[in-house]
């Protein structure tokens, strides 16, 4: 697993792993080829911000994912941009950047397994997990 520091947040670029939601507390989905936070995602992220305010000692892990509609390298970068967009939104809504860690998995952990080149909205997502500080 590769580690890098991006804008003060840890970014983990992980190797392939089995498809699973890995205990996500919240999930936001993205339109194809867009890392922007849409209205539905904003509603969910507002709930994440409120939950963080109720649990300020916790830490958030933001795991970015992609579908298989492009080359693997592009999909990895897209998943990272999605996680960064979520981080930026949460930061603007009261969650300190130091309380968030980013992970980027690209197309390696689909919810819906597809063939290469297939667009699948459920795979274009960021999973948000609350984890104990430590």
C-alpha atoms as a PDB file:
ATOM      1  CA  UNK A   1       0.000   0.000   0.000  1.00  0.00           C
ATOM      2  CA  UNK A   2       1.412   3.406  -0.990  1.00  0.00           C
ATOM      3  CA  UNK A   3       1.101   6.371   1.366  1.00  0.00           C
ATOM      4  CA  UNK A   4       1.287  10.037   0.437  1.00  0.00           C
ATOM      5  CA  UNK A   5       0.429  13.320   2.119  1.00  0.00           C
ATOM      6  CA  UNK A   6      -2.017  15.470   0.171  1.00  0.00           C
ATOM      7  CA  UNK A   7      -2.868  18.922   1.519  1.00  0.00           C
ATOM      8  CA  UNK A   8      -2.351  17.850   5.106  1.00  0.00           C
ATOM      9  CA  UNK A   9      -4.518  14.736   4.762  1.00  0.00           C
ATOM     10  CA  UNK A  10      -3.149  11.243   4.511  1.00  0.00           C
ATOM     11  CA  UNK A  11      -3.859   9.571   1.185  1.00  0.00           C
ATOM     12  CA  UNK A  12      -3.662   5.814   0.924  1.00  0.00           C
ATOM     13  CA  UNK A  13      -3.513   4.313  -2.534  1.00  0.00           C
ATOM     14  CA  UNK A  14      -4.380   0.735  -1.860  1.00  0.00           C
ATOM     15  CA  UNK A  15      -3.949  -2.401  -3.851  1.00  0.00           C
ATOM     16  CA  UNK A  16      -6.872  -4.501  -5.033  1.00  0.00           C
ATOM     17  CA  UNK A  17      -9.213  -5.848  -2.396  1.00  0.00           C
ATOM     18  CA  UNK A  18     -12.485  -7.751  -2.449  1.00  0.00           C
ATOM     19  CA  UNK A  19     -15.675  -5.834  -3.210  1.00  0.00           C
ATOM     20  CA  UNK A  20     -17.274  -4.694   0.023  1.00  0.00           C
ATOM     21  CA  UNK A  21     -18.517  -1.563   1.715  1.00  0.00           C
ATOM     22  CA  UNK A  22     -15.991  -2.001   4.522  1.00  0.00           C
ATOM     23  CA  UNK A  23     -18.279  -0.692   7.245  1.00  0.00           C
ATOM     24  CA  UNK A  24     -19.079   2.684   5.700  1.00  0.00           C
ATOM     25  CA  UNK A  25     -21.284   4.917   7.824  1.00  0.00           C
ATOM     26  CA  UNK A  26     -22.217   7.153   4.864  1.00  0.00           C
ATOM     27  CA  UNK A  27     -21.819   6.924   1.077  1.00  0.00           C
ATOM     28  CA  UNK A  28     -22.046   9.686  -1.515  1.00  0.00           C
ATOM     29  CA  UNK A  29     -22.277   8.996  -5.242  1.00  0.00           C
ATOM     30  CA  UNK A  30     -20.935  11.015  -8.160  1.00  0.00           C
ATOM     31  CA  UNK A  31     -21.981  11.733 -11.718  1.00  0.00           C
ATOM     32  CA  UNK A  32     -19.792  10.290 -14.458  1.00  0.00           C
ATOM     33  CA  UNK A  33     -16.487  12.157 -14.951  1.00  0.00           C
ATOM     34  CA  UNK A  34     -17.408  14.752 -12.291  1.00  0.00           C
ATOM     35  CA  UNK A  35     -15.892  15.057  -8.821  1.00  0.00           C
ATOM     36  CA  UNK A  36     -18.369  17.809  -7.853  1.00  0.00           C
ATOM     37  CA  UNK A  37     -20.654  17.472  -4.860  1.00  0.00           C
ATOM     38  CA  UNK A  38     -24.244  17.323  -6.115  1.00  0.00           C
ATOM     39  CA  UNK A  39     -27.373  18.185  -4.097  1.00  0.00           C
ATOM     40  CA  UNK A  40     -27.923  14.610  -2.861  1.00  0.00           C
ATOM     41  CA  UNK A  41     -24.299  14.316  -1.767  1.00  0.00           C
ATOM     42  CA  UNK A  42     -24.476  17.692   0.003  1.00  0.00           C
ATOM     43  CA  UNK A  43     -27.470  16.512   2.041  1.00  0.00           C
ATOM     44  CA  UNK A  44     -25.577  13.421   3.148  1.00  0.00           C
ATOM     45  CA  UNK A  45     -22.393  15.377   3.887  1.00  0.00           C
ATOM     46  CA  UNK A  46     -24.382  17.825   5.997  1.00  0.00           C
ATOM     47  CA  UNK A  47     -25.437  14.817   8.101  1.00  0.00           C
ATOM     48  CA  UNK A  48     -21.787  13.742   8.336  1.00  0.00           C
ATOM     49  CA  UNK A  49     -20.834  17.239   9.551  1.00  0.00           C
ATOM     50  CA  UNK A  50     -23.601  17.151  12.167  1.00  0.00           C
ATOM     51  CA  UNK A  51     -22.539  13.711  13.353  1.00  0.00           C
ATOM     52  CA  UNK A  52     -18.926  14.867  13.606  1.00  0.00           C
ATOM     53  CA  UNK A  53     -20.056  17.849  15.715  1.00  0.00           C
ATOM     54  CA  UNK A  54     -21.731  15.361  18.071  1.00  0.00           C
ATOM     55  CA  UNK A  55     -18.565  13.180  18.132  1.00  0.00           C
ATOM     56  CA  UNK A  56     -15.687  15.695  17.850  1.00  0.00           C
ATOM     57  CA  UNK A  57     -13.032  13.266  19.071  1.00  0.00           C
ATOM     58  CA  UNK A  58     -13.651  10.892  16.199  1.00  0.00           C
ATOM     59  CA  UNK A  59     -11.769  10.593  12.937  1.00  0.00           C
ATOM     60  CA  UNK A  60     -13.157  10.205   9.424  1.00  0.00           C
ATOM     61  CA  UNK A  61     -11.782   7.983   6.688  1.00  0.00           C
ATOM     62  CA  UNK A  62     -12.887   9.066   3.207  1.00  0.00           C
ATOM     63  CA  UNK A  63     -12.505   6.250   0.663  1.00  0.00           C
ATOM     64  CA  UNK A  64     -12.781   7.273  -2.986  1.00  0.00           C
ATOM     65  CA  UNK A  65     -13.869   4.786  -5.661  1.00  0.00           C
ATOM     66  CA  UNK A  66     -14.454   4.714  -9.405  1.00  0.00           C
ATOM     67  CA  UNK A  67     -16.258   2.641 -11.979  1.00  0.00           C
ATOM     68  CA  UNK A  68     -14.409   0.849 -14.810  1.00  0.00           C
ATOM     69  CA  UNK A  69     -15.329   3.302 -17.589  1.00  0.00           C
ATOM     70  CA  UNK A  70     -11.775   4.544 -18.165  1.00  0.00           C
ATOM     71  CA  UNK A  71      -8.159   3.467 -17.835  1.00  0.00           C
ATOM     72  CA  UNK A  72      -7.140   2.253 -14.375  1.00  0.00           C
ATOM     73  CA  UNK A  73      -4.763   5.188 -13.772  1.00  0.00           C
ATOM     74  CA  UNK A  74      -7.423   7.736 -14.671  1.00  0.00           C
ATOM     75  CA  UNK A  75      -9.920   5.945 -12.427  1.00  0.00           C
ATOM     76  CA  UNK A  76      -7.483   6.027  -9.507  1.00  0.00           C
ATOM     77  CA  UNK A  77      -7.016   9.782  -9.965  1.00  0.00           C
ATOM     78  CA  UNK A  78     -10.797  10.232 -10.237  1.00  0.00           C
ATOM     79  CA  UNK A  79     -11.363   8.359  -6.984  1.00  0.00           C
ATOM     80  CA  UNK A  80      -8.777  10.586  -5.288  1.00  0.00           C
ATOM     81  CA  UNK A  81     -10.463  13.742  -6.619  1.00  0.00           C
ATOM     82  CA  UNK A  82     -13.807  12.534  -5.290  1.00  0.00           C
ATOM     83  CA  UNK A  83     -12.348  11.943  -1.824  1.00  0.00           C
ATOM     84  CA  UNK A  84     -10.721  15.387  -1.947  1.00  0.00           C
ATOM     85  CA  UNK A  85     -14.049  16.995  -2.931  1.00  0.00           C
ATOM     86  CA  UNK A  86     -15.714  15.339   0.067  1.00  0.00           C
ATOM     87  CA  UNK A  87     -12.859  16.451   2.336  1.00  0.00           C
ATOM     88  CA  UNK A  88     -13.116  20.035   1.064  1.00  0.00           C
ATOM     89  CA  UNK A  89     -16.888  20.111   1.586  1.00  0.00           C
ATOM     90  CA  UNK A  90     -16.630  18.714   5.107  1.00  0.00           C
ATOM     91  CA  UNK A  91     -13.801  21.103   5.949  1.00  0.00           C
ATOM     92  CA  UNK A  92     -15.953  24.042   4.789  1.00  0.00           C
ATOM     93  CA  UNK A  93     -18.712  22.716   7.067  1.00  0.00           C
ATOM     94  CA  UNK A  94     -16.757  22.457  10.298  1.00  0.00           C
ATOM     95  CA  UNK A  95     -14.823  19.187  10.173  1.00  0.00           C
ATOM     96  CA  UNK A  96     -11.112  19.907  10.762  1.00  0.00           C
ATOM     97  CA  UNK A  97      -8.834  18.658   8.006  1.00  0.00           C
ATOM     98  CA  UNK A  98      -6.586  16.912  10.530  1.00  0.00           C
ATOM     99  CA  UNK A  99      -9.563  14.713  11.509  1.00  0.00           C
ATOM    100  CA  UNK A 100      -9.865  13.266   7.989  1.00  0.00           C
ATOM    101  CA  UNK A 101      -7.779  10.664   6.169  1.00  0.00           C
ATOM    102  CA  UNK A 102      -8.206   9.978   2.460  1.00  0.00           C
ATOM    103  CA  UNK A 103      -8.005   6.665   0.619  1.00  0.00           C
ATOM    104  CA  UNK A 104      -8.165   6.172  -3.149  1.00  0.00           C
ATOM    105  CA  UNK A 105      -9.021   2.758  -4.592  1.00  0.00           C
ATOM    106  CA  UNK A 106      -9.888   3.538  -8.189  1.00  0.00           C
ATOM    107  CA  UNK A 107     -11.842   0.682  -9.743  1.00  0.00           C
ATOM    108  CA  UNK A 108     -10.530  -1.998  -7.366  1.00  0.00           C
ATOM    109  CA  UNK A 109     -13.492  -2.227  -4.937  1.00  0.00           C
ATOM    110  CA  UNK A 110     -16.734  -2.082  -6.918  1.00  0.00           C
ATOM    111  CA  UNK A 111     -20.132  -2.429  -5.277  1.00  0.00           C
ATOM    112  CA  UNK A 112     -21.472  -3.681  -8.606  1.00  0.00           C
ATOM    113  CA  UNK A 113     -18.928  -5.801 -10.506  1.00  0.00           C
ATOM    114  CA  UNK A 114     -18.855  -4.848 -14.190  1.00  0.00           C
ATOM    115  CA  UNK A 115     -16.817  -5.483 -17.290  1.00  0.00           C
ATOM    116  CA  UNK A 116     -14.101  -3.029 -18.218  1.00  0.00           C
ATOM    117  CA  UNK A 117     -15.459   0.147 -19.820  1.00  0.00           C
ATOM    118  CA  UNK A 118     -18.868   0.019 -18.105  1.00  0.00           C
ATOM    119  CA  UNK A 119     -20.256   3.088 -16.325  1.00  0.00           C
ATOM    120  CA  UNK A 120     -21.864   2.231 -12.979  1.00  0.00           C
ATOM    121  CA  UNK A 121     -22.991   5.025 -10.659  1.00  0.00           C
ATOM    122  CA  UNK A 122     -22.828   2.867  -7.516  1.00  0.00           C
ATOM    123  CA  UNK A 123     -19.107   2.380  -8.090  1.00  0.00           C
ATOM    124  CA  UNK A 124     -18.444   6.153  -8.401  1.00  0.00           C
ATOM    125  CA  UNK A 125     -18.579   6.939  -4.723  1.00  0.00           C
ATOM    126  CA  UNK A 126     -16.876   8.031  -1.530  1.00  0.00           C
ATOM    127  CA  UNK A 127     -17.458   5.920   1.556  1.00  0.00           C
ATOM    128  CA  UNK A 128     -17.197   7.760   4.866  1.00  0.00           C
ATOM    129  CA  UNK A 129     -16.319   5.857   8.026  1.00  0.00           C
ATOM    130  CA  UNK A 130     -16.128   7.207  11.553  1.00  0.00           C
ATOM    131  CA  UNK A 131     -13.234   5.583  13.417  1.00  0.00           C
ATOM    132  CA  UNK A 132     -12.014   6.050  16.978  1.00  0.00           C
ATOM    133  CA  UNK A 133      -9.253   8.608  17.468  1.00  0.00           C
ATOM    134  CA  UNK A 134      -6.009   6.894  18.094  1.00  0.00           C
END
